[in-house]
Amino acid sequence: MQTVVTQQAVTNAQLQTLSQQLADVPGLTRAMAEAKVQIERNTSDIRELQQTRRLK
Protein backbone atom coordinates (compact mmCIF):
# COMPACT_ATOMS: atom_id res chain seq x y z
CA MET A 1 0.00 0.00 0.00
CA GLN A 2 2.86 2.37 0.80
CA THR A 3 4.27 1.79 -2.70
CA VAL A 4 1.00 2.89 -4.28
CA VAL A 5 0.93 6.03 -2.15
CA THR A 6 4.53 6.83 -3.13
CA GLN A 7 3.81 6.24 -6.82
CA GLN A 8 0.73 8.43 -6.61
CA ALA A 9 2.74 11.23 -5.00
CA VAL A 10 5.37 10.99 -7.74
CA THR A 11 2.70 11.01 -10.46
CA ASN A 12 1.00 14.02 -8.89
CA ALA A 13 4.31 15.89 -8.76
CA GLN A 14 4.99 15.07 -12.40
CA LEU A 15 1.51 16.24 -13.42
CA GLN A 16 2.00 19.47 -11.51
CA THR A 17 5.34 20.06 -13.27
CA LEU A 18 3.79 19.40 -16.69
CA SER A 19 0.90 21.74 -15.92
CA GLN A 20 3.31 24.52 -15.00
CA GLN A 21 5.30 23.99 -18.18
CA LEU A 22 2.18 23.98 -20.35
CA ALA A 23 0.95 27.16 -18.70
CA ASP A 24 3.86 28.99 -20.37
CA VAL A 25 2.93 27.85 -23.89
CA PRO A 26 0.54 30.74 -24.77
CA GLY A 27 3.14 33.28 -23.70
CA LEU A 28 5.84 31.55 -25.68
CA THR A 29 3.61 31.39 -28.75
CA ARG A 30 3.00 35.13 -28.54
CA ALA A 31 6.69 35.86 -28.01
CA MET A 32 7.58 33.76 -31.05
CA ALA A 33 5.01 35.61 -33.18
CA GLU A 34 6.38 38.97 -32.03
CA ALA A 35 9.94 37.84 -32.77
CA LYS A 36 8.91 36.68 -36.24
CA VAL A 37 7.33 40.06 -37.01
CA GLN A 38 10.47 41.85 -35.79
CA ILE A 39 12.69 39.61 -37.92
CA GLU A 40 10.55 40.32 -40.98
CA ARG A 41 10.81 44.06 -40.34
CA ASN A 42 14.57 43.85 -39.89
CA THR A 43 14.93 41.82 -43.08
CA SER A 44 12.87 44.38 -44.97
CA ASP A 45 14.95 47.23 -43.55
CA ILE A 46 18.18 45.48 -44.54
CA ARG A 47 16.94 44.98 -48.10
CA GLU A 48 15.91 48.61 -48.31
CA LEU A 49 19.32 49.76 -47.08
CA GLN A 50 21.08 47.49 -49.56
CA GLN A 51 19.00 48.88 -52.42
CA THR A 52 19.69 52.45 -51.30
CA ARG A 53 23.44 51.78 -51.27
CA ARG A 54 23.27 50.37 -54.80
CA LEU A 55 21.59 53.55 -56.06
CA LYS A 56 24.43 55.79 -54.83
PDB file of N, CA and C in Angstrom:
ATOM      1  N   MET A   1       0.822  -1.196   0.000  1.00  0.00           N
ATOM      2  CA  MET A   1       0.000   0.000   0.000  1.00  0.00           C
ATOM      3  C   MET A   1       0.866   1.261   0.000  1.00  0.00           C
ATOM      4  N   GLN A   2       1.954   1.218   0.746  1.00  0.00           N
ATOM      5  CA  GLN A   2       2.859   2.373   0.797  1.00  0.00           C
ATOM      6  C   GLN A   2       3.444   2.671  -0.577  1.00  0.00           C
ATOM      7  N   THR A   3       3.718   1.619  -1.358  1.00  0.00           N
ATOM      8  CA  THR A   3       4.270   1.793  -2.696  1.00  0.00           C
ATOM      9  C   THR A   3       3.288   2.557  -3.582  1.00  0.00           C
ATOM     10  N   VAL A   4       2.028   2.209  -3.473  1.00  0.00           N
ATOM     11  CA  VAL A   4       1.000   2.886  -4.276  1.00  0.00           C
ATOM     12  C   VAL A   4       0.922   4.362  -3.898  1.00  0.00           C
ATOM     13  N   VAL A   5       0.987   4.647  -2.615  1.00  0.00           N
ATOM     14  CA  VAL A   5       0.931   6.035  -2.151  1.00  0.00           C
ATOM     15  C   VAL A   5       2.138   6.813  -2.669  1.00  0.00           C
ATOM     16  N   THR A   6       3.307   6.193  -2.636  1.00  0.00           N
ATOM     17  CA  THR A   6       4.526   6.831  -3.132  1.00  0.00           C
ATOM     18  C   THR A   6       4.423   7.080  -4.626  1.00  0.00           C
ATOM     19  N   GLN A   7       3.958   6.080  -5.381  1.00  0.00           N
ATOM     20  CA  GLN A   7       3.811   6.237  -6.823  1.00  0.00           C
ATOM     21  C   GLN A   7       2.807   7.335  -7.155  1.00  0.00           C
ATOM     22  N   GLN A   8       1.742   7.400  -6.377  1.00  0.00           N
ATOM     23  CA  GLN A   8       0.730   8.427  -6.607  1.00  0.00           C
ATOM     24  C   GLN A   8       1.311   9.817  -6.345  1.00  0.00           C
ATOM     25  N   ALA A   9       2.112   9.939  -5.311  1.00  0.00           N
ATOM     26  CA  ALA A   9       2.736  11.228  -5.001  1.00  0.00           C
ATOM     27  C   ALA A   9       3.686  11.649  -6.118  1.00  0.00           C
ATOM     28  N   VAL A  10       4.453  10.699  -6.642  1.00  0.00           N
ATOM     29  CA  VAL A  10       5.372  10.992  -7.740  1.00  0.00           C
ATOM     30  C   VAL A  10       4.593  11.412  -8.975  1.00  0.00           C
ATOM     31  N   THR A  11       3.541  10.685  -9.295  1.00  0.00           N
ATOM     32  CA  THR A  11       2.700  11.006 -10.455  1.00  0.00           C
ATOM     33  C   THR A  11       2.076  12.387 -10.302  1.00  0.00           C
ATOM     34  N   ASN A  12       1.592  12.696  -9.132  1.00  0.00           N
ATOM     35  CA  ASN A  12       1.000  14.016  -8.894  1.00  0.00           C
ATOM     36  C   ASN A  12       2.037  15.123  -9.080  1.00  0.00           C
ATOM     37  N   ALA A  13       3.240  14.898  -8.603  1.00  0.00           N
ATOM     38  CA  ALA A  13       4.306  15.889  -8.756  1.00  0.00           C
ATOM     39  C   ALA A  13       4.644  16.076 -10.230  1.00  0.00           C
ATOM     40  N   GLN A  14       4.698  14.976 -10.975  1.00  0.00           N
ATOM     41  CA  GLN A  14       4.991  15.067 -12.403  1.00  0.00           C
ATOM     42  C   GLN A  14       3.880  15.812 -13.142  1.00  0.00           C
ATOM     43  N   LEU A  15       2.642  15.545 -12.795  1.00  0.00           N
ATOM     44  CA  LEU A  15       1.513  16.240 -13.416  1.00  0.00           C
ATOM     45  C   LEU A  15       1.544  17.734 -13.101  1.00  0.00           C
ATOM     46  N   GLN A  16       1.913  18.065 -11.894  1.00  0.00           N
ATOM     47  CA  GLN A  16       2.004  19.475 -11.512  1.00  0.00           C
ATOM     48  C   GLN A  16       3.102  20.172 -12.313  1.00  0.00           C
ATOM     49  N   THR A  17       4.239  19.503 -12.479  1.00  0.00           N
ATOM     50  CA  THR A  17       5.336  20.062 -13.269  1.00  0.00           C
ATOM     51  C   THR A  17       4.911  20.267 -14.712  1.00  0.00           C
ATOM     52  N   LEU A  18       4.264  19.279 -15.301  1.00  0.00           N
ATOM     53  CA  LEU A  18       3.791  19.398 -16.688  1.00  0.00           C
ATOM     54  C   LEU A  18       2.780  20.531 -16.833  1.00  0.00           C
ATOM     55  N   SER A  19       1.899  20.670 -15.872  1.00  0.00           N
ATOM     56  CA  SER A  19       0.899  21.736 -15.920  1.00  0.00           C
ATOM     57  C   SER A  19       1.566  23.101 -15.887  1.00  0.00           C
ATOM     58  N   GLN A  20       2.589  23.245 -15.066  1.00  0.00           N
ATOM     59  CA  GLN A  20       3.309  24.522 -14.998  1.00  0.00           C
ATOM     60  C   GLN A  20       4.018  24.820 -16.318  1.00  0.00           C
ATOM     61  N   GLN A  21       4.608  23.804 -16.911  1.00  0.00           N
ATOM     62  CA  GLN A  21       5.299  23.993 -18.180  1.00  0.00           C
ATOM     63  C   GLN A  21       4.315  24.358 -19.284  1.00  0.00           C
ATOM     64  N   LEU A  22       3.174  23.707 -19.322  1.00  0.00           N
ATOM     65  CA  LEU A  22       2.181  23.979 -20.353  1.00  0.00           C
ATOM     66  C   LEU A  22       1.536  25.349 -20.172  1.00  0.00           C
ATOM     67  N   ALA A  23       1.522  25.844 -18.957  1.00  0.00           N
ATOM     68  CA  ALA A  23       0.948  27.163 -18.702  1.00  0.00           C
ATOM     69  C   ALA A  23       1.740  28.252 -19.422  1.00  0.00           C
ATOM     70  N   ASP A  24       3.010  28.012 -19.691  1.00  0.00           N
ATOM     71  CA  ASP A  24       3.864  28.985 -20.371  1.00  0.00           C
ATOM     72  C   ASP A  24       3.684  28.987 -21.886  1.00  0.00           C
ATOM     73  N   VAL A  25       3.030  27.994 -22.438  1.00  0.00           N
ATOM     74  CA  VAL A  25       2.925  27.851 -23.893  1.00  0.00           C
ATOM     75  C   VAL A  25       2.262  29.060 -24.565  1.00  0.00           C
ATOM     76  N   PRO A  26       1.135  29.576 -24.090  1.00  0.00           N
ATOM     77  CA  PRO A  26       0.543  30.739 -24.768  1.00  0.00           C
ATOM     78  C   PRO A  26       1.489  31.945 -24.805  1.00  0.00           C
ATOM     79  N   GLY A  27       2.187  32.174 -23.728  1.00  0.00           N
ATOM     80  CA  GLY A  27       3.144  33.279 -23.698  1.00  0.00           C
ATOM     81  C   GLY A  27       4.285  33.073 -24.663  1.00  0.00           C
ATOM     82  N   LEU A  28       4.761  31.852 -24.749  1.00  0.00           N
ATOM     83  CA  LEU A  28       5.843  31.545 -25.677  1.00  0.00           C
ATOM     84  C   LEU A  28       5.382  31.691 -27.120  1.00  0.00           C
ATOM     85  N   THR A  29       4.164  31.272 -27.397  1.00  0.00           N
ATOM     86  CA  THR A  29       3.614  31.392 -28.745  1.00  0.00           C
ATOM     87  C   THR A  29       3.539  32.860 -29.153  1.00  0.00           C
ATOM     88  N   ARG A  30       3.085  33.697 -28.246  1.00  0.00           N
ATOM     89  CA  ARG A  30       3.000  35.131 -28.539  1.00  0.00           C
ATOM     90  C   ARG A  30       4.395  35.723 -28.736  1.00  0.00           C
ATOM     91  N   ALA A  31       5.325  35.344 -27.884  1.00  0.00           N
ATOM     92  CA  ALA A  31       6.691  35.860 -28.009  1.00  0.00           C
ATOM     93  C   ALA A  31       7.316  35.445 -29.342  1.00  0.00           C
ATOM     94  N   MET A  32       7.050  34.230 -29.758  1.00  0.00           N
ATOM     95  CA  MET A  32       7.582  33.762 -31.046  1.00  0.00           C
ATOM     96  C   MET A  32       6.959  34.548 -32.203  1.00  0.00           C
ATOM     97  N   ALA A  33       5.675  34.830 -32.123  1.00  0.00           N
ATOM     98  CA  ALA A  33       5.010  35.607 -33.176  1.00  0.00           C
ATOM     99  C   ALA A  33       5.582  37.021 -33.233  1.00  0.00           C
ATOM    100  N   GLU A  34       5.809  37.625 -32.071  1.00  0.00           N
ATOM    101  CA  GLU A  34       6.379  38.966 -32.034  1.00  0.00           C
ATOM    102  C   GLU A  34       7.802  38.957 -32.594  1.00  0.00           C
ATOM    103  N   ALA A  35       8.566  37.945 -32.248  1.00  0.00           N
ATOM    104  CA  ALA A  35       9.938  37.842 -32.765  1.00  0.00           C
ATOM    105  C   ALA A  35       9.930  37.678 -34.284  1.00  0.00           C
ATOM    106  N   LYS A  36       8.997  36.886 -34.793  1.00  0.00           N
ATOM    107  CA  LYS A  36       8.905  36.682 -36.238  1.00  0.00           C
ATOM    108  C   LYS A  36       8.593  37.992 -36.957  1.00  0.00           C
ATOM    109  N   VAL A  37       7.668  38.767 -36.410  1.00  0.00           N
ATOM    110  CA  VAL A  37       7.328  40.056 -37.007  1.00  0.00           C
ATOM    111  C   VAL A  37       8.552  40.971 -36.998  1.00  0.00           C
ATOM    112  N   GLN A  38       9.285  40.993 -35.887  1.00  0.00           N
ATOM    113  CA  GLN A  38      10.468  41.849 -35.794  1.00  0.00           C
ATOM    114  C   GLN A  38      11.541  41.415 -36.788  1.00  0.00           C
ATOM    115  N   ILE A  39      11.713  40.126 -36.952  1.00  0.00           N
ATOM    116  CA  ILE A  39      12.688  39.610 -37.919  1.00  0.00           C
ATOM    117  C   ILE A  39      12.303  40.020 -39.333  1.00  0.00           C
ATOM    118  N   GLU A  40      11.012  39.924 -39.649  1.00  0.00           N
ATOM    119  CA  GLU A  40      10.545  40.321 -40.980  1.00  0.00           C
ATOM    120  C   GLU A  40      10.788  41.812 -41.221  1.00  0.00           C
ATOM    121  N   ARG A  41      10.549  42.625 -40.203  1.00  0.00           N
ATOM    122  CA  ARG A  41      10.811  44.065 -40.336  1.00  0.00           C
ATOM    123  C   ARG A  41      12.303  44.330 -40.541  1.00  0.00           C
ATOM    124  N   ASN A  42      13.120  43.660 -39.761  1.00  0.00           N
ATOM    125  CA  ASN A  42      14.571  43.849 -39.889  1.00  0.00           C
ATOM    126  C   ASN A  42      15.057  43.423 -41.268  1.00  0.00           C
ATOM    127  N   THR A  43      14.545  42.308 -41.754  1.00  0.00           N
ATOM    128  CA  THR A  43      14.928  41.819 -43.080  1.00  0.00           C
ATOM    129  C   THR A  43      14.526  42.833 -44.148  1.00  0.00           C
ATOM    130  N   SER A  44      13.333  43.372 -44.022  1.00  0.00           N
ATOM    131  CA  SER A  44      12.865  44.375 -44.968  1.00  0.00           C
ATOM    132  C   SER A  44      13.744  45.622 -44.908  1.00  0.00           C
ATOM    133  N   ASP A  45      14.085  46.064 -43.707  1.00  0.00           N
ATOM    134  CA  ASP A  45      14.946  47.234 -43.550  1.00  0.00           C
ATOM    135  C   ASP A  45      16.326  46.996 -44.163  1.00  0.00           C
ATOM    136  N   ILE A  46      16.864  45.814 -43.982  1.00  0.00           N
ATOM    137  CA  ILE A  46      18.181  45.482 -44.544  1.00  0.00           C
ATOM    138  C   ILE A  46      18.123  45.529 -46.065  1.00  0.00           C
ATOM    139  N   ARG A  47      17.083  44.950 -46.634  1.00  0.00           N
ATOM    140  CA  ARG A  47      16.936  44.977 -48.097  1.00  0.00           C
ATOM    141  C   ARG A  47      16.833  46.407 -48.614  1.00  0.00           C
ATOM    142  N   GLU A  48      16.074  47.222 -47.904  1.00  0.00           N
ATOM    143  CA  GLU A  48      15.907  48.615 -48.306  1.00  0.00           C
ATOM    144  C   GLU A  48      17.245  49.355 -48.247  1.00  0.00           C
ATOM    145  N   LEU A  49      18.006  49.125 -47.193  1.00  0.00           N
ATOM    146  CA  LEU A  49      19.322  49.761 -47.079  1.00  0.00           C
ATOM    147  C   LEU A  49      20.270  49.292 -48.184  1.00  0.00           C
ATOM    148  N   GLN A  50      20.218  48.013 -48.500  1.00  0.00           N
ATOM    149  CA  GLN A  50      21.075  47.488 -49.563  1.00  0.00           C
ATOM    150  C   GLN A  50      20.709  48.117 -50.907  1.00  0.00           C
ATOM    151  N   GLN A  51      19.429  48.269 -51.174  1.00  0.00           N
ATOM    152  CA  GLN A  51      18.998  48.884 -52.424  1.00  0.00           C
ATOM    153  C   GLN A  51      19.401  50.349 -52.488  1.00  0.00           C
ATOM    154  N   THR A  52      19.308  51.040 -51.354  1.00  0.00           N
ATOM    155  CA  THR A  52      19.690  52.449 -51.296  1.00  0.00           C
ATOM    156  C   THR A  52      21.181  52.599 -51.585  1.00  0.00           C
ATOM    157  N   ARG A  53      21.990  51.726 -51.042  1.00  0.00           N
ATOM    158  CA  ARG A  53      23.438  51.785 -51.271  1.00  0.00           C
ATOM    159  C   ARG A  53      23.783  51.517 -52.734  1.00  0.00           C
ATOM    160  N   ARG A  54      23.027  50.666 -53.386  1.00  0.00           N
ATOM    161  CA  ARG A  54      23.273  50.366 -54.797  1.00  0.00           C
ATOM    162  C   ARG A  54      22.948  51.566 -55.684  1.00  0.00           C
ATOM    163  N   LEU A  55      21.997  52.393 -55.255  1.00  0.00           N
ATOM    164  CA  LEU A  55      21.593  53.547 -56.060  1.00  0.00           C
ATOM    165  C   LEU A  55      22.626  54.673 -56.017  1.00  0.00           C
ATOM    166  N   LYS A  56      23.440  54.703 -54.978  1.00  0.00           N
ATOM    167  CA  LYS A  56      24.429  55.791 -54.826  1.00  0.00           C
ATOM    168  C   LYS A  56      25.524  55.702 -55.841  1.00  0.00           C
TER     169      LYS A  56
END
